[in-house]
Each structure stands twice: as structure tokens, then as C-alpha cells.
Amino acid sequence: MPKMKTKKSASKRFRFTATGKVKRSQAFKSHILTKKATKRKRSLRSPALAHQTDVAHVRAMLPYGAR
């Protein structure tokens, strides 16, 4: 059986925690930053966890990511 391929776009967007949860980066941080408050931009720096309903899709795209 051939090896499964990793979706490279997903591997750049998602990481797994040690307990198997899916980390993602926050959206709305790339441009049009002048109208956003400093506190809001600072909170967008920290990673967030992917929602539980999306975890199965991420795991399918990253077959070798989480062990």
C-alpha cells in the first residue's frame, strides 16, 4: 500500500499539542491593522485551539501529524 500524502497547506496551518489537540493561528492579523485596537492585535498573536467539530477533518489532512 502506498504512503498517504500530507496536505501541505494544512501542515503549515495546524500543529498538534502533546495531548493531541489541534492548535491553529488566529485570523484577522495580516492586514488592515490600523483600525484594530492594540489589545485586540496582541490577543490575536496567541494560538487558539481548533473547534472539536473540525478536528477530524484536520486529522484526515495530516495523517502522520498526531501519534
N, C-alpha and C. Protein backbone atom coordinates (compact mmCIF):
# COMPACT_ATOMS: atom_id res chain seq x y z
N MET A 1 0.84 -1.19 0.00
CA MET A 1 0.00 0.00 0.00
C MET A 1 0.88 1.25 0.00
N PRO A 2 0.61 2.21 -0.86
CA PRO A 2 1.45 3.41 -0.89
C PRO A 2 1.21 4.29 0.32
N LYS A 3 2.19 5.14 0.55
CA LYS A 3 2.09 6.06 1.67
C LYS A 3 1.00 7.10 1.39
N MET A 4 0.36 7.56 2.46
CA MET A 4 -0.64 8.62 2.32
C MET A 4 0.08 9.96 2.25
N LYS A 5 -0.46 10.87 1.47
CA LYS A 5 0.17 12.18 1.34
C LYS A 5 -0.43 13.15 2.35
N THR A 6 0.44 14.00 2.86
CA THR A 6 0.02 15.07 3.76
C THR A 6 -0.40 16.26 2.93
N LYS A 7 -1.51 16.90 3.30
CA LYS A 7 -1.91 18.15 2.66
C LYS A 7 -0.97 19.24 3.17
N LYS A 8 -0.10 19.76 2.30
CA LYS A 8 0.94 20.67 2.73
C LYS A 8 0.37 21.99 3.25
N SER A 9 -0.75 22.42 2.70
CA SER A 9 -1.35 23.67 3.20
C SER A 9 -1.82 23.50 4.64
N ALA A 10 -2.33 22.32 4.97
CA ALA A 10 -2.77 22.07 6.34
C ALA A 10 -1.59 21.93 7.29
N SER A 11 -0.48 21.37 6.81
CA SER A 11 0.68 21.20 7.68
C SER A 11 1.30 22.53 8.05
N LYS A 12 1.10 23.55 7.22
CA LYS A 12 1.61 24.87 7.53
C LYS A 12 0.67 25.64 8.46
N ARG A 13 -0.57 25.23 8.55
CA ARG A 13 -1.56 25.96 9.34
C ARG A 13 -1.85 25.36 10.71
N PHE A 14 -1.64 24.07 10.86
CA PHE A 14 -2.03 23.39 12.09
C PHE A 14 -0.86 22.66 12.72
N ARG A 15 -0.85 22.62 14.06
CA ARG A 15 0.11 21.85 14.83
C ARG A 15 -0.68 21.07 15.88
N PHE A 16 -0.07 20.01 16.39
CA PHE A 16 -0.72 19.21 17.42
C PHE A 16 -0.05 19.45 18.76
N THR A 17 -0.86 19.50 19.81
CA THR A 17 -0.32 19.61 21.16
C THR A 17 0.10 18.22 21.63
N ALA A 18 0.73 18.16 22.77
CA ALA A 18 1.18 16.86 23.30
C ALA A 18 0.02 15.95 23.64
N THR A 19 -1.13 16.53 23.97
CA THR A 19 -2.29 15.71 24.30
C THR A 19 -3.15 15.38 23.08
N GLY A 20 -2.75 15.86 21.89
CA GLY A 20 -3.46 15.51 20.66
C GLY A 20 -4.46 16.54 20.19
N LYS A 21 -4.55 17.67 20.87
CA LYS A 21 -5.45 18.72 20.41
C LYS A 21 -4.81 19.45 19.24
N VAL A 22 -5.62 20.18 18.49
CA VAL A 22 -5.13 20.85 17.28
C VAL A 22 -5.00 22.34 17.55
N LYS A 23 -3.77 22.85 17.38
CA LYS A 23 -3.53 24.28 17.52
C LYS A 23 -3.65 24.94 16.17
N ARG A 24 -4.13 26.17 16.17
CA ARG A 24 -4.21 26.95 14.94
C ARG A 24 -3.84 28.39 15.27
N SER A 25 -3.50 29.16 14.24
CA SER A 25 -3.21 30.57 14.46
C SER A 25 -4.48 31.38 14.29
N GLN A 26 -4.49 32.56 14.86
CA GLN A 26 -5.67 33.41 14.81
C GLN A 26 -5.76 34.09 13.45
N ALA A 27 -6.96 34.33 13.00
CA ALA A 27 -7.19 35.04 11.75
C ALA A 27 -7.26 36.55 12.02
N PHE A 28 -7.38 37.33 10.97
CA PHE A 28 -7.55 38.79 11.02
C PHE A 28 -6.32 39.51 11.57
N LYS A 29 -5.13 39.01 11.26
CA LYS A 29 -3.91 39.63 11.77
C LYS A 29 -2.98 40.04 10.63
N SER A 30 -3.38 39.87 9.37
CA SER A 30 -2.42 40.07 8.29
C SER A 30 -2.41 41.48 7.72
N HIS A 31 -3.54 42.14 7.63
CA HIS A 31 -3.55 43.49 7.07
C HIS A 31 -4.73 44.26 7.64
N ILE A 32 -4.81 45.54 7.28
CA ILE A 32 -5.81 46.49 7.82
C ILE A 32 -5.71 46.50 9.35
N LEU A 33 -4.52 46.76 9.84
CA LEU A 33 -4.28 46.70 11.27
C LEU A 33 -4.44 48.06 11.96
N THR A 34 -4.55 49.13 11.18
CA THR A 34 -4.58 50.45 11.81
C THR A 34 -5.88 50.70 12.56
N LYS A 35 -6.95 50.12 12.10
CA LYS A 35 -8.23 50.34 12.77
C LYS A 35 -8.49 49.40 13.94
N LYS A 36 -7.61 48.40 14.10
CA LYS A 36 -7.79 47.45 15.20
C LYS A 36 -7.04 47.94 16.43
N ALA A 37 -7.62 47.69 17.57
CA ALA A 37 -7.03 48.14 18.83
C ALA A 37 -5.78 47.33 19.14
N THR A 38 -4.87 47.94 19.89
CA THR A 38 -3.61 47.28 20.26
C THR A 38 -3.87 46.03 21.08
N LYS A 39 -4.83 46.10 21.97
CA LYS A 39 -5.17 44.94 22.80
C LYS A 39 -5.70 43.80 21.94
N ARG A 40 -6.50 44.13 20.94
CA ARG A 40 -7.05 43.11 20.05
C ARG A 40 -5.95 42.46 19.22
N LYS A 41 -5.02 43.27 18.70
CA LYS A 41 -3.92 42.72 17.91
C LYS A 41 -3.00 41.85 18.76
N ARG A 42 -2.80 42.25 20.01
CA ARG A 42 -1.96 41.47 20.90
C ARG A 42 -2.59 40.12 21.22
N SER A 43 -3.88 40.10 21.39
CA SER A 43 -4.56 38.83 21.68
C SER A 43 -4.61 37.92 20.46
N LEU A 44 -4.52 38.50 19.27
CA LEU A 44 -4.52 37.68 18.05
C LEU A 44 -3.18 36.97 17.84
N ARG A 45 -2.15 37.38 18.56
CA ARG A 45 -0.85 36.72 18.43
C ARG A 45 -0.85 35.31 18.97
N SER A 46 -1.59 35.09 20.03
CA SER A 46 -1.55 33.79 20.70
C SER A 46 -2.31 32.74 19.89
N PRO A 47 -1.83 31.51 19.86
CA PRO A 47 -2.54 30.46 19.13
C PRO A 47 -3.83 30.06 19.83
N ALA A 48 -4.73 29.49 19.06
CA ALA A 48 -6.00 29.02 19.59
C ALA A 48 -6.14 27.54 19.25
N LEU A 49 -7.10 26.90 19.86
CA LEU A 49 -7.38 25.50 19.56
C LEU A 49 -8.47 25.43 18.50
N ALA A 50 -8.33 24.48 17.60
CA ALA A 50 -9.36 24.26 16.59
C ALA A 50 -10.62 23.71 17.26
N HIS A 51 -11.75 24.03 16.70
CA HIS A 51 -13.01 23.57 17.27
C HIS A 51 -13.11 22.05 17.12
N GLN A 52 -13.79 21.45 18.06
CA GLN A 52 -13.88 19.98 18.12
C GLN A 52 -14.52 19.39 16.87
N THR A 53 -15.42 20.12 16.22
CA THR A 53 -16.06 19.60 15.01
C THR A 53 -15.13 19.60 13.81
N ASP A 54 -14.02 20.35 13.87
CA ASP A 54 -13.08 20.42 12.76
C ASP A 54 -11.88 19.50 12.94
N VAL A 55 -11.72 18.92 14.09
CA VAL A 55 -10.52 18.13 14.40
C VAL A 55 -10.43 16.91 13.49
N ALA A 56 -11.53 16.26 13.21
CA ALA A 56 -11.50 15.07 12.36
C ALA A 56 -11.04 15.40 10.95
N HIS A 57 -11.44 16.57 10.44
CA HIS A 57 -11.01 16.99 9.11
C HIS A 57 -9.51 17.27 9.08
N VAL A 58 -9.02 17.89 10.13
CA VAL A 58 -7.58 18.21 10.20
C VAL A 58 -6.77 16.92 10.30
N ARG A 59 -7.23 15.97 11.09
CA ARG A 59 -6.51 14.71 11.21
C ARG A 59 -6.48 13.94 9.89
N ALA A 60 -7.54 14.05 9.10
CA ALA A 60 -7.56 13.39 7.80
C ALA A 60 -6.55 14.03 6.84
N MET A 61 -6.36 15.35 6.97
CA MET A 61 -5.41 16.04 6.10
C MET A 61 -3.97 15.81 6.54
N LEU A 62 -3.76 15.51 7.81
CA LEU A 62 -2.42 15.29 8.36
C LEU A 62 -2.32 13.87 8.92
N PRO A 63 -2.17 12.88 8.07
CA PRO A 63 -2.23 11.50 8.55
C PRO A 63 -1.06 11.11 9.46
N TYR A 64 0.08 11.77 9.34
CA TYR A 64 1.23 11.41 10.14
C TYR A 64 1.55 12.46 11.19
N GLY A 65 0.68 13.43 11.39
CA GLY A 65 0.95 14.52 12.32
C GLY A 65 0.81 14.14 13.77
N ALA A 66 -0.31 13.58 14.14
CA ALA A 66 -0.58 13.25 15.55
C ALA A 66 -0.44 11.76 15.76
N ARG A 67 0.37 11.41 16.71
CA ARG A 67 0.55 9.98 17.03
C ARG A 67 -0.04 9.72 18.39
